[in-house]
């Protein structure tokens, strides 16, 4: 079964990348870009806005599609994740929903944090890493 998901690549004014620490499986305890599953009939844009508000407390403007990845899940599920570039339009970063923590990260932070599998490589391929 394929499950449609969305994620957001968001930078602040200091070119730091927004990451959340996953509070639930898959990836509990690992850091990743915020996002999640789409609800039935929900557009990518609407789902991404909802997920960001739920996980981070931030309102966003959704931009271009950065890329798509597929990740294996439990019981033969495949998560199809479309990641979009987004900009903050309001709110204050606060962990909520299934996020255990939320923070703005530098490139050095990415080298120290336990990241979800393939995140760093994928962001590099999409030229979506924070400045060093």
N, C-alpha and C. Protein backbone atom coordinates (compact mmCIF):
# COMPACT_ATOMS: atom_id res chain seq x y z
N UNK A 1 0.84 -1.17 0.00
CA UNK A 1 0.00 0.00 0.00
C UNK A 1 0.89 1.25 0.00
N UNK A 2 0.51 2.24 -0.80
CA UNK A 2 1.25 3.49 -0.89
C UNK A 2 0.48 4.57 -0.12
N UNK A 3 1.19 5.31 0.70
CA UNK A 3 0.58 6.36 1.53
C UNK A 3 1.17 7.70 1.11
N UNK A 4 0.29 8.63 0.69
CA UNK A 4 0.74 9.95 0.26
C UNK A 4 1.05 10.83 1.46
N UNK A 5 2.23 11.44 1.42
CA UNK A 5 2.69 12.30 2.50
C UNK A 5 3.32 13.55 1.90
N UNK A 6 3.46 14.58 2.73
CA UNK A 6 4.11 15.83 2.32
C UNK A 6 5.09 16.25 3.41
N UNK A 7 6.09 17.00 2.99
CA UNK A 7 7.07 17.56 3.93
C UNK A 7 7.44 18.96 3.49
N UNK A 8 7.99 19.74 4.43
CA UNK A 8 8.34 21.13 4.15
C UNK A 8 9.81 21.38 4.41
N UNK A 9 10.45 22.03 3.45
CA UNK A 9 11.82 22.50 3.59
C UNK A 9 11.71 24.00 3.83
N UNK A 10 11.97 24.40 5.09
CA UNK A 10 11.75 25.78 5.52
C UNK A 10 13.05 26.33 6.11
N UNK A 11 13.44 27.52 5.66
CA UNK A 11 14.62 28.20 6.20
C UNK A 11 14.19 29.48 6.88
N UNK A 12 14.94 29.88 7.91
CA UNK A 12 14.67 31.17 8.56
C UNK A 12 15.57 32.25 7.93
N UNK A 13 15.52 33.45 8.45
CA UNK A 13 16.29 34.57 7.90
C UNK A 13 17.79 34.36 8.02
N UNK A 14 18.21 33.48 8.92
CA UNK A 14 19.64 33.16 9.09
C UNK A 14 20.04 31.93 8.28
N UNK A 15 19.17 31.47 7.39
CA UNK A 15 19.40 30.31 6.53
C UNK A 15 19.58 29.02 7.33
N UNK A 16 18.87 28.91 8.44
CA UNK A 16 18.85 27.67 9.21
C UNK A 16 17.61 26.88 8.79
N UNK A 17 17.75 25.56 8.76
CA UNK A 17 16.69 24.65 8.32
C UNK A 17 15.82 24.24 9.50
N UNK A 18 14.51 24.25 9.30
CA UNK A 18 13.57 23.81 10.32
C UNK A 18 13.50 22.28 10.34
N UNK A 19 13.77 21.70 11.52
CA UNK A 19 13.65 20.26 11.70
C UNK A 19 12.80 19.96 12.93
N UNK A 20 12.15 18.81 12.89
CA UNK A 20 11.40 18.31 14.04
C UNK A 20 11.99 16.97 14.46
N UNK A 21 11.94 16.73 15.76
CA UNK A 21 12.32 15.43 16.30
C UNK A 21 11.05 14.61 16.37
N UNK A 22 11.03 13.50 15.66
CA UNK A 22 9.85 12.65 15.59
C UNK A 22 9.54 12.05 16.96
N UNK A 23 8.28 12.17 17.37
CA UNK A 23 7.85 11.64 18.66
C UNK A 23 7.22 10.28 18.57
N UNK A 24 6.93 9.83 17.35
CA UNK A 24 6.27 8.53 17.15
C UNK A 24 6.91 7.80 15.98
N UNK A 25 6.74 6.48 15.93
CA UNK A 25 7.21 5.72 14.77
C UNK A 25 6.46 6.13 13.50
N UNK A 26 7.00 6.00 12.34
CA UNK A 26 8.39 5.59 12.13
C UNK A 26 9.34 6.75 12.41
N UNK A 27 10.52 6.42 12.82
CA UNK A 27 11.54 7.45 13.03
C UNK A 27 11.49 8.14 14.37
N UNK A 28 10.83 7.56 15.37
CA UNK A 28 10.77 8.18 16.69
C UNK A 28 12.18 8.46 17.20
N UNK A 29 12.40 9.68 17.68
CA UNK A 29 13.71 10.08 18.20
C UNK A 29 14.65 10.63 17.16
N UNK A 30 14.30 10.52 15.89
CA UNK A 30 15.14 11.03 14.81
C UNK A 30 14.63 12.39 14.33
N UNK A 31 15.53 13.17 13.78
CA UNK A 31 15.19 14.51 13.28
C UNK A 31 14.92 14.46 11.78
N UNK A 32 13.94 15.23 11.34
CA UNK A 32 13.56 15.27 9.93
C UNK A 32 12.87 16.59 9.63
N UNK A 33 12.58 16.82 8.36
CA UNK A 33 11.77 17.98 8.01
C UNK A 33 10.35 17.71 8.47
N UNK A 34 9.61 18.74 8.85
CA UNK A 34 8.24 18.53 9.30
C UNK A 34 7.32 18.11 8.16
N UNK A 35 6.29 17.37 8.50
CA UNK A 35 5.31 16.94 7.50
C UNK A 35 4.58 15.71 7.99
N UNK A 36 3.83 15.09 7.10
CA UNK A 36 3.09 13.90 7.48
C UNK A 36 2.14 13.45 6.40
N UNK A 37 1.24 12.55 6.78
CA UNK A 37 0.29 11.95 5.85
C UNK A 37 -0.80 12.94 5.44
N UNK A 38 -1.21 12.80 4.19
CA UNK A 38 -2.36 13.57 3.72
C UNK A 38 -3.64 12.88 4.18
N UNK A 39 -4.65 13.66 4.47
CA UNK A 39 -5.96 13.11 4.78
C UNK A 39 -6.70 12.86 3.48
N UNK A 40 -7.69 11.95 3.45
CA UNK A 40 -8.42 11.66 2.21
C UNK A 40 -8.99 12.94 1.59
N UNK A 41 -8.71 13.12 0.30
CA UNK A 41 -9.21 14.27 -0.45
C UNK A 41 -8.46 15.56 -0.23
N UNK A 42 -7.43 15.54 0.60
CA UNK A 42 -6.68 16.75 0.92
C UNK A 42 -5.61 17.02 -0.14
N UNK A 43 -5.46 18.26 -0.56
CA UNK A 43 -4.41 18.63 -1.51
C UNK A 43 -3.07 18.67 -0.78
N UNK A 44 -1.98 18.60 -1.56
CA UNK A 44 -0.65 18.70 -0.97
C UNK A 44 -0.51 20.01 -0.19
N UNK A 45 -0.93 21.11 -0.78
CA UNK A 45 -0.78 22.41 -0.14
C UNK A 45 -1.56 22.49 1.18
N UNK A 46 -2.81 22.06 1.16
CA UNK A 46 -3.62 22.10 2.38
C UNK A 46 -3.04 21.17 3.45
N UNK A 47 -2.61 19.99 3.05
CA UNK A 47 -2.02 19.04 3.99
C UNK A 47 -0.73 19.56 4.60
N UNK A 48 0.08 20.19 3.78
CA UNK A 48 1.34 20.72 4.28
C UNK A 48 1.11 21.86 5.27
N UNK A 49 0.18 22.74 4.95
CA UNK A 49 -0.14 23.82 5.89
C UNK A 49 -0.66 23.26 7.22
N UNK A 50 -1.55 22.26 7.14
CA UNK A 50 -2.10 21.65 8.35
C UNK A 50 -1.00 20.99 9.17
N UNK A 51 -0.19 20.17 8.50
CA UNK A 51 0.87 19.45 9.21
C UNK A 51 1.86 20.39 9.89
N UNK A 52 2.25 21.46 9.20
CA UNK A 52 3.22 22.40 9.79
C UNK A 52 2.62 23.10 11.00
N UNK A 53 1.38 23.49 10.91
CA UNK A 53 0.74 24.15 12.03
C UNK A 53 0.63 23.18 13.22
N UNK A 54 0.24 21.93 12.95
CA UNK A 54 0.09 20.94 14.02
C UNK A 54 1.43 20.59 14.66
N UNK A 55 2.47 20.40 13.84
CA UNK A 55 3.76 19.93 14.36
C UNK A 55 4.63 21.05 14.91
N UNK A 56 4.53 22.25 14.33
CA UNK A 56 5.50 23.30 14.68
C UNK A 56 4.88 24.60 15.17
N UNK A 57 3.56 24.78 15.03
CA UNK A 57 2.93 26.03 15.39
C UNK A 57 3.13 27.14 14.37
N UNK A 58 3.73 26.81 13.23
CA UNK A 58 4.03 27.82 12.21
C UNK A 58 3.02 27.77 11.07
N UNK A 59 2.66 28.95 10.58
CA UNK A 59 1.88 29.08 9.35
C UNK A 59 2.87 29.30 8.22
N UNK A 60 2.59 28.70 7.08
CA UNK A 60 3.54 28.76 5.97
C UNK A 60 2.86 29.13 4.66
N UNK A 61 3.70 29.58 3.73
CA UNK A 61 3.32 29.72 2.33
C UNK A 61 4.06 28.61 1.59
N UNK A 62 3.33 27.80 0.85
CA UNK A 62 3.91 26.66 0.14
C UNK A 62 4.44 27.12 -1.21
N UNK A 63 5.69 26.75 -1.49
CA UNK A 63 6.33 27.09 -2.76
C UNK A 63 6.46 25.88 -3.66
N UNK A 64 7.57 25.84 -4.37
CA UNK A 64 7.80 24.81 -5.39
C UNK A 64 8.07 23.43 -4.77
N UNK A 65 7.79 22.41 -5.56
CA UNK A 65 8.12 21.03 -5.19
C UNK A 65 9.63 20.88 -5.28
N UNK A 66 10.27 20.48 -4.18
CA UNK A 66 11.71 20.25 -4.17
C UNK A 66 12.04 18.87 -4.72
N UNK A 67 11.20 17.88 -4.40
CA UNK A 67 11.44 16.52 -4.86
C UNK A 67 10.53 15.53 -4.15
N UNK A 68 10.62 14.29 -4.58
CA UNK A 68 9.81 13.21 -4.03
C UNK A 68 10.71 12.05 -3.64
N UNK A 69 10.43 11.47 -2.48
CA UNK A 69 11.14 10.28 -2.03
C UNK A 69 10.13 9.22 -1.63
N UNK A 70 10.56 7.98 -1.66
CA UNK A 70 9.74 6.87 -1.18
C UNK A 70 10.51 6.20 -0.06
N UNK A 71 9.81 5.97 1.05
CA UNK A 71 10.42 5.34 2.21
C UNK A 71 9.57 4.15 2.64
N UNK A 72 10.22 3.03 2.97
CA UNK A 72 9.46 1.87 3.44
C UNK A 72 8.90 2.11 4.83
N UNK A 73 7.73 1.59 5.06
CA UNK A 73 7.08 1.67 6.37
C UNK A 73 6.74 0.29 6.87
N UNK A 74 6.04 0.21 7.98
CA UNK A 74 5.68 -1.10 8.54
C UNK A 74 4.65 -1.83 7.69
N UNK A 75 4.67 -3.14 7.77
CA UNK A 75 3.67 -4.00 7.13
C UNK A 75 3.54 -3.78 5.64
N UNK A 76 4.67 -3.52 4.97
CA UNK A 76 4.67 -3.37 3.52
C UNK A 76 4.20 -2.03 3.00
N UNK A 77 3.97 -1.08 3.87
CA UNK A 77 3.55 0.26 3.45
C UNK A 77 4.74 0.99 2.83
N UNK A 78 4.48 1.77 1.79
CA UNK A 78 5.47 2.67 1.22
C UNK A 78 4.95 4.08 1.36
N UNK A 79 5.74 4.92 2.03
CA UNK A 79 5.39 6.33 2.16
C UNK A 79 5.94 7.07 0.94
N UNK A 80 5.06 7.72 0.20
CA UNK A 80 5.45 8.55 -0.94
C UNK A 80 5.41 9.99 -0.43
N UNK A 81 6.60 10.59 -0.28
CA UNK A 81 6.70 11.90 0.36
C UNK A 81 7.11 12.95 -0.65
N UNK A 82 6.23 13.94 -0.84
CA UNK A 82 6.54 15.07 -1.71
C UNK A 82 6.95 16.24 -0.81
N UNK A 83 8.20 16.67 -0.97
CA UNK A 83 8.73 17.75 -0.14
C UNK A 83 8.71 19.06 -0.92
N UNK A 84 8.16 20.09 -0.27
CA UNK A 84 8.02 21.41 -0.88
C UNK A 84 8.86 22.43 -0.12
N UNK A 85 9.38 23.40 -0.86
CA UNK A 85 10.01 24.55 -0.24
C UNK A 85 8.87 25.42 0.29
N UNK A 86 9.03 25.94 1.50
CA UNK A 86 7.99 26.76 2.11
C UNK A 86 8.63 27.90 2.89
N UNK A 87 7.86 28.96 3.10
CA UNK A 87 8.33 30.09 3.90
C UNK A 87 7.35 30.33 5.03
N UNK A 88 7.87 30.78 6.15
CA UNK A 88 7.05 31.06 7.33
C UNK A 88 6.28 32.35 7.10
N UNK A 89 4.98 32.31 7.38
CA UNK A 89 4.15 33.52 7.29
C UNK A 89 3.63 33.95 8.66
N UNK A 90 3.87 33.14 9.70
CA UNK A 90 3.45 33.51 11.04
C UNK A 90 3.63 32.39 12.03
N UNK A 91 3.52 32.74 13.31
CA UNK A 91 3.62 31.75 14.36
C UNK A 91 4.98 31.72 15.02
N UNK A 92 5.07 30.92 16.08
CA UNK A 92 6.31 30.72 16.83
C UNK A 92 6.57 29.23 16.89
N UNK A 93 7.81 28.80 16.57
CA UNK A 93 8.10 27.36 16.59
C UNK A 93 7.86 26.73 17.96
N UNK A 94 6.94 25.78 18.00
CA UNK A 94 6.60 25.05 19.21
C UNK A 94 6.26 23.62 18.82
N UNK A 95 6.91 22.65 19.46
CA UNK A 95 6.62 21.25 19.14
C UNK A 95 5.20 20.90 19.53
N UNK A 96 4.50 20.24 18.62
CA UNK A 96 3.13 19.81 18.88
C UNK A 96 2.83 18.53 18.13
N UNK A 97 1.63 18.01 18.27
CA UNK A 97 1.18 16.81 17.59
C UNK A 97 2.17 15.67 17.83
N UNK A 98 2.76 15.10 16.78
CA UNK A 98 3.68 13.98 16.97
C UNK A 98 5.14 14.41 16.97
N UNK A 99 5.42 15.71 17.08
CA UNK A 99 6.80 16.20 17.17
C UNK A 99 7.20 16.30 18.64
N UNK A 100 8.36 15.72 18.99
CA UNK A 100 8.87 15.80 20.35
C UNK A 100 9.65 17.09 20.57
N UNK A 101 10.17 17.68 19.50
CA UNK A 101 10.94 18.92 19.59
C UNK A 101 10.97 19.55 18.20
N UNK A 102 11.25 20.83 18.16
CA UNK A 102 11.39 21.55 16.90
C UNK A 102 12.51 22.56 17.06
N UNK A 103 13.32 22.71 16.01
CA UNK A 103 14.42 23.68 16.10
C UNK A 103 14.91 24.08 14.72
N UNK A 104 15.54 25.25 14.69
CA UNK A 104 16.21 25.73 13.48
C UNK A 104 17.63 25.21 13.53
N UNK A 105 18.12 24.62 12.42
CA UNK A 105 19.41 23.93 12.41
C UNK A 105 20.37 24.49 11.38
N UNK A 106 21.62 24.59 11.80
CA UNK A 106 22.71 24.95 10.89
C UNK A 106 23.25 23.67 10.25
N UNK A 107 24.17 23.83 9.33
CA UNK A 107 24.81 22.67 8.72
C UNK A 107 25.57 21.87 9.78
N UNK A 108 26.21 22.56 10.72
CA UNK A 108 26.91 21.86 11.80
C UNK A 108 25.95 21.02 12.64
N UNK A 109 24.76 21.57 12.91
CA UNK A 109 23.75 20.81 13.66
C UNK A 109 23.39 19.52 12.93
N UNK A 110 23.25 19.61 11.61
CA UNK A 110 22.87 18.42 10.84
C UNK A 110 23.91 17.31 10.97
N UNK A 111 25.17 17.70 11.15
CA UNK A 111 26.23 16.71 11.31
C UNK A 111 26.22 16.05 12.68
N UNK A 112 25.56 16.66 13.66
CA UNK A 112 25.55 16.14 15.03
C UNK A 112 24.26 15.42 15.41
N UNK A 113 23.16 15.77 14.77
CA UNK A 113 21.86 15.22 15.15
C UNK A 113 21.61 13.86 14.50
N UNK A 114 20.89 12.97 15.19
CA UNK A 114 20.48 11.71 14.55
C UNK A 114 19.32 12.00 13.58
N UNK A 115 19.61 11.93 12.29
CA UNK A 115 18.63 12.26 11.24
C UNK A 115 17.95 11.02 10.70
N UNK A 116 16.76 11.20 10.14
CA UNK A 116 16.10 10.09 9.47
C UNK A 116 16.96 9.62 8.31
N UNK A 117 16.83 8.34 8.00
CA UNK A 117 17.64 7.71 6.97
C UNK A 117 17.52 8.44 5.63
N UNK A 118 18.65 8.83 5.08
CA UNK A 118 18.68 9.43 3.75
C UNK A 118 18.39 10.92 3.69
N UNK A 119 18.04 11.54 4.82
CA UNK A 119 17.65 12.95 4.79
C UNK A 119 18.79 13.85 4.29
N UNK A 120 19.96 13.72 4.86
CA UNK A 120 21.08 14.58 4.49
C UNK A 120 21.44 14.41 3.01
N UNK A 121 21.51 13.19 2.55
CA UNK A 121 21.84 12.90 1.15
C UNK A 121 20.78 13.50 0.22
N UNK A 122 19.52 13.33 0.56
CA UNK A 122 18.44 13.84 -0.29
C UNK A 122 18.45 15.36 -0.34
N UNK A 123 18.60 16.01 0.81
CA UNK A 123 18.65 17.47 0.82
C UNK A 123 19.83 17.99 0.02
N UNK A 124 20.96 17.30 0.09
CA UNK A 124 22.13 17.69 -0.70
C UNK A 124 21.84 17.57 -2.20
N UNK A 125 21.20 16.46 -2.60
CA UNK A 125 20.86 16.27 -4.02
C UNK A 125 19.91 17.36 -4.52
N UNK A 126 19.03 17.85 -3.64
CA UNK A 126 18.07 18.87 -4.02
C UNK A 126 18.61 20.29 -3.80
N UNK A 127 19.88 20.41 -3.42
CA UNK A 127 20.49 21.71 -3.11
C UNK A 127 19.64 22.46 -2.08
N UNK A 128 19.27 21.75 -1.01
CA UNK A 128 18.38 22.29 0.01
C UNK A 128 18.98 22.18 1.42
N UNK A 129 20.29 22.41 1.51
CA UNK A 129 20.95 22.39 2.80
C UNK A 129 21.20 23.80 3.30
N UNK A 130 21.25 23.98 4.63
CA UNK A 130 21.58 25.31 5.15
C UNK A 130 23.01 25.69 4.79
N UNK A 131 23.28 26.98 4.74
CA UNK A 131 24.65 27.44 4.46
C UNK A 131 25.57 27.01 5.61
N UNK A 132 26.80 26.76 5.28
CA UNK A 132 27.77 26.34 6.32
C UNK A 132 28.16 27.49 7.21
